Amino acid sequence: PTKALEDKDKLKLKGLDLEVLHTPG
């Protein structure tokens, strides 16, 4: 990957905002 994600990271684009929820299992 370009970057590894972690819990609660925010992915923000113009007009778009998603939060990462780490949900192992």
PDB file of all heavy atoms in Angstrom:
ATOM      1  N   PRO A   1       0.814  -1.218   0.000  1.00  0.00           N
ATOM      2  CA  PRO A   1       0.000   0.000   0.000  1.00  0.00           C
ATOM      3  C   PRO A   1       0.849   1.271   0.000  1.00  0.00           C
ATOM      4  O   PRO A   1       2.018   1.253   0.386  1.00  0.00           O
ATOM      5  CB  PRO A   1      -0.800  -0.115   1.293  1.00  0.00           C
ATOM      6  CG  PRO A   1       0.091  -0.906   2.202  1.00  0.00           C
ATOM      7  CD  PRO A   1       0.774  -1.905   1.307  1.00  0.00           C
ATOM      8  N   THR A   2       0.215   2.339  -0.406  1.00  0.00           N
ATOM      9  CA  THR A   2       0.821   3.658  -0.272  1.00  0.00           C
ATOM     10  C   THR A   2       0.956   4.033   1.196  1.00  0.00           C
ATOM     11  O   THR A   2       1.951   4.631   1.618  1.00  0.00           O
ATOM     12  CB  THR A   2      -0.055   4.720  -0.977  1.00  0.00           C
ATOM     13  OG1 THR A   2      -0.390   4.263  -2.293  1.00  0.00           O
ATOM     14  CG2 THR A   2       0.664   6.052  -1.061  1.00  0.00           C
ATOM     15  N   LYS A   3      -0.061   3.641   1.971  1.00  0.00           N
ATOM     16  CA  LYS A   3      -0.099   3.966   3.398  1.00  0.00           C
ATOM     17  C   LYS A   3      -0.910   2.906   4.115  1.00  0.00           C
ATOM     18  O   LYS A   3      -1.883   2.393   3.572  1.00  0.00           O
ATOM     19  CB  LYS A   3      -0.732   5.348   3.615  1.00  0.00           C
ATOM     20  CG  LYS A   3      -0.853   5.758   5.080  1.00  0.00           C
ATOM     21  CD  LYS A   3      -1.619   7.069   5.223  1.00  0.00           C
ATOM     22  CE  LYS A   3      -1.844   7.394   6.700  1.00  0.00           C
ATOM     23  NZ  LYS A   3      -2.667   8.630   6.864  1.00  0.00           N
ATOM     24  N   ALA A   4      -0.496   2.580   5.340  1.00  0.00           N
ATOM     25  CA  ALA A   4      -1.260   1.660   6.179  1.00  0.00           C
ATOM     26  C   ALA A   4      -2.223   2.451   7.062  1.00  0.00           C
ATOM     27  O   ALA A   4      -1.865   3.509   7.599  1.00  0.00           O
ATOM     28  CB  ALA A   4      -0.326   0.825   7.046  1.00  0.00           C
ATOM     29  N   LEU A   5      -3.412   1.932   7.197  1.00  0.00           N
ATOM     30  CA  LEU A   5      -4.444   2.580   8.007  1.00  0.00           C
ATOM     31  C   LEU A   5      -4.424   2.066   9.439  1.00  0.00           C
ATOM     32  O   LEU A   5      -3.986   0.949   9.706  1.00  0.00           O
ATOM     33  CB  LEU A   5      -5.823   2.315   7.397  1.00  0.00           C
ATOM     34  CG  LEU A   5      -6.085   2.908   6.012  1.00  0.00           C
ATOM     35  CD1 LEU A   5      -7.396   2.367   5.454  1.00  0.00           C
ATOM     36  CD2 LEU A   5      -6.106   4.434   6.079  1.00  0.00           C
ATOM     37  N   GLU A   6      -4.974   2.902  10.334  1.00  0.00           N
ATOM     38  CA  GLU A   6      -5.161   2.527  11.734  1.00  0.00           C
ATOM     39  C   GLU A   6      -6.569   2.917  12.167  1.00  0.00           C
ATOM     40  O   GLU A   6      -7.249   3.700  11.493  1.00  0.00           O
ATOM     41  CB  GLU A   6      -4.123   3.223  12.630  1.00  0.00           C
ATOM     42  CG  GLU A   6      -2.670   2.942  12.274  1.00  0.00           C
ATOM     43  CD  GLU A   6      -2.247   1.497  12.449  1.00  0.00           C
ATOM     44  OE1 GLU A   6      -2.976   0.731  13.109  1.00  0.00           O
ATOM     45  OE2 GLU A   6      -1.183   1.125  11.900  1.00  0.00           O
ATOM     46  N   ASP A   7      -6.998   2.353  13.282  1.00  0.00           N
ATOM     47  CA  ASP A   7      -8.320   2.666  13.823  1.00  0.00           C
ATOM     48  C   ASP A   7      -8.482   4.169  14.025  1.00  0.00           C
ATOM     49  O   ASP A   7      -7.556   4.862  14.462  1.00  0.00           O
ATOM     50  CB  ASP A   7      -8.499   1.945  15.170  1.00  0.00           C
ATOM     51  CG  ASP A   7      -9.913   2.035  15.695  1.00  0.00           C
ATOM     52  OD1 ASP A   7     -10.858   1.902  14.892  1.00  0.00           O
ATOM     53  OD2 ASP A   7     -10.075   2.241  16.914  1.00  0.00           O
ATOM     54  N   LYS A   8      -9.647   4.677  13.653  1.00  0.00           N
ATOM     55  CA  LYS A   8     -10.049   6.081  13.816  1.00  0.00           C
ATOM     56  C   LYS A   8      -9.383   7.036  12.834  1.00  0.00           C
ATOM     57  O   LYS A   8      -9.578   8.240  12.930  1.00  0.00           O
ATOM     58  CB  LYS A   8      -9.823   6.563  15.256  1.00  0.00           C
ATOM     59  CG  LYS A   8     -10.607   5.778  16.289  1.00  0.00           C
ATOM     60  CD  LYS A   8     -10.409   6.320  17.697  1.00  0.00           C
ATOM     61  CE  LYS A   8     -11.184   5.518  18.709  1.00  0.00           C
ATOM     62  NZ  LYS A   8     -10.967   6.015  20.098  1.00  0.00           N
ATOM     63  N   ASP A   9      -8.605   6.505  11.882  1.00  0.00           N
ATOM     64  CA  ASP A   9      -8.107   7.385  10.826  1.00  0.00           C
ATOM     65  C   ASP A   9      -9.289   8.000  10.089  1.00  0.00           C
ATOM     66  O   ASP A   9     -10.351   7.383   9.940  1.00  0.00           O
ATOM     67  CB  ASP A   9      -7.255   6.599   9.821  1.00  0.00           C
ATOM     68  CG  ASP A   9      -5.821   6.389  10.285  1.00  0.00           C
ATOM     69  OD1 ASP A   9      -5.439   6.967  11.319  1.00  0.00           O
ATOM     70  OD2 ASP A   9      -5.088   5.642   9.609  1.00  0.00           O
ATOM     71  N   LYS A  10      -9.101   9.221   9.598  1.00  0.00           N
ATOM     72  CA  LYS A  10     -10.124   9.923   8.826  1.00  0.00           C
ATOM     73  C   LYS A  10      -9.661  10.019   7.373  1.00  0.00           C
ATOM     74  O   LYS A  10      -8.533  10.420   7.094  1.00  0.00           O
ATOM     75  CB  LYS A  10     -10.350  11.326   9.384  1.00  0.00           C
ATOM     76  CG  LYS A  10     -10.791  11.375  10.856  1.00  0.00           C
ATOM     77  CD  LYS A  10     -12.155  10.762  11.050  1.00  0.00           C
ATOM     78  CE  LYS A  10     -12.758  11.127  12.400  1.00  0.00           C
ATOM     79  NZ  LYS A  10     -11.935  10.662  13.543  1.00  0.00           N
ATOM     80  N   LEU A  11     -10.543   9.655   6.478  1.00  0.00           N
ATOM     81  CA  LEU A  11     -10.289   9.765   5.053  1.00  0.00           C
ATOM     82  C   LEU A  11     -11.143  10.900   4.522  1.00  0.00           C
ATOM     83  O   LEU A  11     -12.373  10.784   4.438  1.00  0.00           O
ATOM     84  CB  LEU A  11     -10.628   8.454   4.354  1.00  0.00           C
ATOM     85  CG  LEU A  11      -9.901   7.217   4.882  1.00  0.00           C
ATOM     86  CD1 LEU A  11     -10.379   5.963   4.163  1.00  0.00           C
ATOM     87  CD2 LEU A  11      -8.398   7.371   4.746  1.00  0.00           C
ATOM     88  N   LYS A  12     -10.503  12.007   4.191  1.00  0.00           N
ATOM     89  CA  LYS A  12     -11.227  13.220   3.820  1.00  0.00           C
ATOM     90  C   LYS A  12     -10.912  13.612   2.384  1.00  0.00           C
ATOM     91  O   LYS A  12      -9.757  13.773   2.015  1.00  0.00           O
ATOM     92  CB  LYS A  12     -10.846  14.369   4.750  1.00  0.00           C
ATOM     93  CG  LYS A  12     -11.268  14.178   6.212  1.00  0.00           C
ATOM     94  CD  LYS A  12     -10.829  15.356   7.056  1.00  0.00           C
ATOM     95  CE  LYS A  12     -11.250  15.203   8.509  1.00  0.00           C
ATOM     96  NZ  LYS A  12     -12.703  15.324   8.698  1.00  0.00           N
ATOM     97  N   LEU A  13     -11.971  13.747   1.588  1.00  0.00           N
ATOM     98  CA  LEU A  13     -11.887  14.331   0.261  1.00  0.00           C
ATOM     99  C   LEU A  13     -12.831  15.523   0.211  1.00  0.00           C
ATOM    100  O   LEU A  13     -13.546  15.795   1.177  1.00  0.00           O
ATOM    101  CB  LEU A  13     -12.280  13.301  -0.800  1.00  0.00           C
ATOM    102  CG  LEU A  13     -11.502  11.982  -0.815  1.00  0.00           C
ATOM    103  CD1 LEU A  13     -12.021  11.088  -1.936  1.00  0.00           C
ATOM    104  CD2 LEU A  13     -10.015  12.220  -0.965  1.00  0.00           C
ATOM    105  N   LYS A  14     -12.852  16.230  -0.895  1.00  0.00           N
ATOM    106  CA  LYS A  14     -13.775  17.355  -1.021  1.00  0.00           C
ATOM    107  C   LYS A  14     -15.202  16.838  -0.962  1.00  0.00           C
ATOM    108  O   LYS A  14     -15.649  16.106  -1.837  1.00  0.00           O
ATOM    109  CB  LYS A  14     -13.529  18.090  -2.336  1.00  0.00           C
ATOM    110  CG  LYS A  14     -12.214  18.844  -2.387  1.00  0.00           C
ATOM    111  CD  LYS A  14     -12.034  19.549  -3.729  1.00  0.00           C
ATOM    112  CE  LYS A  14     -10.702  20.270  -3.775  1.00  0.00           C
ATOM    113  NZ  LYS A  14     -10.467  20.919  -5.099  1.00  0.00           N
ATOM    114  N   GLY A  15     -15.910  17.201   0.118  1.00  0.00           N
ATOM    115  CA  GLY A  15     -17.295  16.798   0.270  1.00  0.00           C
ATOM    116  C   GLY A  15     -17.504  15.370   0.715  1.00  0.00           C
ATOM    117  O   GLY A  15     -18.629  14.863   0.688  1.00  0.00           O
ATOM    118  N   LEU A  16     -16.457  14.689   1.137  1.00  0.00           N
ATOM    119  CA  LEU A  16     -16.543  13.269   1.484  1.00  0.00           C
ATOM    120  C   LEU A  16     -15.651  12.987   2.684  1.00  0.00           C
ATOM    121  O   LEU A  16     -14.493  13.388   2.707  1.00  0.00           O
ATOM    122  CB  LEU A  16     -16.091  12.437   0.284  1.00  0.00           C
ATOM    123  CG  LEU A  16     -16.331  10.926   0.295  1.00  0.00           C
ATOM    124  CD1 LEU A  16     -17.807  10.614   0.425  1.00  0.00           C
ATOM    125  CD2 LEU A  16     -15.785  10.323  -0.990  1.00  0.00           C
ATOM    126  N   ASP A  17     -16.206  12.293   3.680  1.00  0.00           N
ATOM    127  CA  ASP A  17     -15.477  12.073   4.929  1.00  0.00           C
ATOM    128  C   ASP A  17     -15.866  10.705   5.481  1.00  0.00           C
ATOM    129  O   ASP A  17     -17.030  10.471   5.809  1.00  0.00           O
ATOM    130  CB  ASP A  17     -15.850  13.179   5.923  1.00  0.00           C
ATOM    131  CG  ASP A  17     -15.014  13.158   7.193  1.00  0.00           C
ATOM    132  OD1 ASP A  17     -14.246  12.203   7.375  1.00  0.00           O
ATOM    133  OD2 ASP A  17     -15.144  14.095   7.999  1.00  0.00           O
ATOM    134  N   LEU A  18     -14.890   9.791   5.574  1.00  0.00           N
ATOM    135  CA  LEU A  18     -15.135   8.468   6.136  1.00  0.00           C
ATOM    136  C   LEU A  18     -14.149   8.192   7.256  1.00  0.00           C
ATOM    137  O   LEU A  18     -12.987   8.590   7.184  1.00  0.00           O
ATOM    138  CB  LEU A  18     -14.983   7.386   5.065  1.00  0.00           C
ATOM    139  CG  LEU A  18     -16.017   7.363   3.938  1.00  0.00           C
ATOM    140  CD1 LEU A  18     -15.655   6.299   2.909  1.00  0.00           C
ATOM    141  CD2 LEU A  18     -17.419   7.098   4.479  1.00  0.00           C
ATOM    142  N   GLU A  19     -14.628   7.515   8.300  1.00  0.00           N
ATOM    143  CA  GLU A  19     -13.782   7.138   9.431  1.00  0.00           C
ATOM    144  C   GLU A  19     -13.481   5.644   9.365  1.00  0.00           C
ATOM    145  O   GLU A  19     -14.356   4.831   9.062  1.00  0.00           O
ATOM    146  CB  GLU A  19     -14.466   7.457  10.752  1.00  0.00           C
ATOM    147  CG  GLU A  19     -13.622   7.077  11.967  1.00  0.00           C
ATOM    148  CD  GLU A  19     -14.284   7.397  13.292  1.00  0.00           C
ATOM    149  OE1 GLU A  19     -15.425   7.904  13.274  1.00  0.00           O
ATOM    150  OE2 GLU A  19     -13.678   7.120  14.343  1.00  0.00           O
ATOM    151  N   VAL A  20     -12.243   5.290   9.662  1.00  0.00           N
ATOM    152  CA  VAL A  20     -11.823   3.890   9.705  1.00  0.00           C
ATOM    153  C   VAL A  20     -12.183   3.299  11.066  1.00  0.00           C
ATOM    154  O   VAL A  20     -11.797   3.825  12.106  1.00  0.00           O
ATOM    155  CB  VAL A  20     -10.308   3.769   9.470  1.00  0.00           C
ATOM    156  CG1 VAL A  20      -9.845   2.320   9.648  1.00  0.00           C
ATOM    157  CG2 VAL A  20      -9.929   4.294   8.088  1.00  0.00           C
ATOM    158  N   LEU A  21     -12.925   2.189  11.042  1.00  0.00           N
ATOM    159  CA  LEU A  21     -13.215   1.414  12.254  1.00  0.00           C
ATOM    160  C   LEU A  21     -12.481   0.085  12.127  1.00  0.00           C
ATOM    161  O   LEU A  21     -12.791  -0.715  11.238  1.00  0.00           O
ATOM    162  CB  LEU A  21     -14.713   1.167  12.397  1.00  0.00           C
ATOM    163  CG  LEU A  21     -15.647   2.383  12.372  1.00  0.00           C
ATOM    164  CD1 LEU A  21     -17.098   1.928  12.511  1.00  0.00           C
ATOM    165  CD2 LEU A  21     -15.286   3.367  13.471  1.00  0.00           C
ATOM    166  N   HIS A  22     -11.498  -0.152  12.978  1.00  0.00           N
ATOM    167  CA  HIS A  22     -10.773  -1.421  12.954  1.00  0.00           C
ATOM    168  C   HIS A  22     -11.664  -2.489  13.573  1.00  0.00           C
ATOM    169  O   HIS A  22     -12.041  -2.404  14.751  1.00  0.00           O
ATOM    170  CB  HIS A  22      -9.458  -1.287  13.727  1.00  0.00           C
ATOM    171  CG  HIS A  22      -8.639  -2.534  13.699  1.00  0.00           C
ATOM    172  ND1 HIS A  22      -7.793  -2.881  14.736  1.00  0.00           N
ATOM    173  CD2 HIS A  22      -8.521  -3.536  12.788  1.00  0.00           C
ATOM    174  CE1 HIS A  22      -7.195  -4.020  14.451  1.00  0.00           C
ATOM    175  NE2 HIS A  22      -7.620  -4.436  13.281  1.00  0.00           N
ATOM    176  N   THR A  23     -12.013  -3.492  12.787  1.00  0.00           N
ATOM    177  CA  THR A  23     -12.955  -4.523  13.239  1.00  0.00           C
ATOM    178  C   THR A  23     -12.361  -5.912  12.986  1.00  0.00           C
ATOM    179  O   THR A  23     -12.829  -6.660  12.123  1.00  0.00           O
ATOM    180  CB  THR A  23     -14.304  -4.380  12.509  1.00  0.00           C
ATOM    181  OG1 THR A  23     -14.069  -4.361  11.084  1.00  0.00           O
ATOM    182  CG2 THR A  23     -15.014  -3.105  12.929  1.00  0.00           C
ATOM    183  N   PRO A  24     -11.327  -6.290  13.736  1.00  0.00           N
ATOM    184  CA  PRO A  24     -10.706  -7.596  13.529  1.00  0.00           C
ATOM    185  C   PRO A  24     -11.681  -8.731  13.816  1.00  0.00           C
ATOM    186  O   PRO A  24     -12.638  -8.584  14.572  1.00  0.00           O
ATOM    187  CB  PRO A  24      -9.546  -7.595  14.525  1.00  0.00           C
ATOM    188  CG  PRO A  24      -9.951  -6.614  15.585  1.00  0.00           C
ATOM    189  CD  PRO A  24     -10.721  -5.551  14.864  1.00  0.00           C
ATOM    190  N   GLY A  25     -11.403  -9.854  13.185  1.00  0.00           N
ATOM    191  CA  GLY A  25     -12.230 -11.054  13.378  1.00  0.00           C
ATOM    192  C   GLY A  25     -12.218 -11.901  12.130  1.00  0.00           C
ATOM    193  O   GLY A  25     -11.829 -13.061  12.160  1.00  0.00           O
TER     194      GLY A  25
END
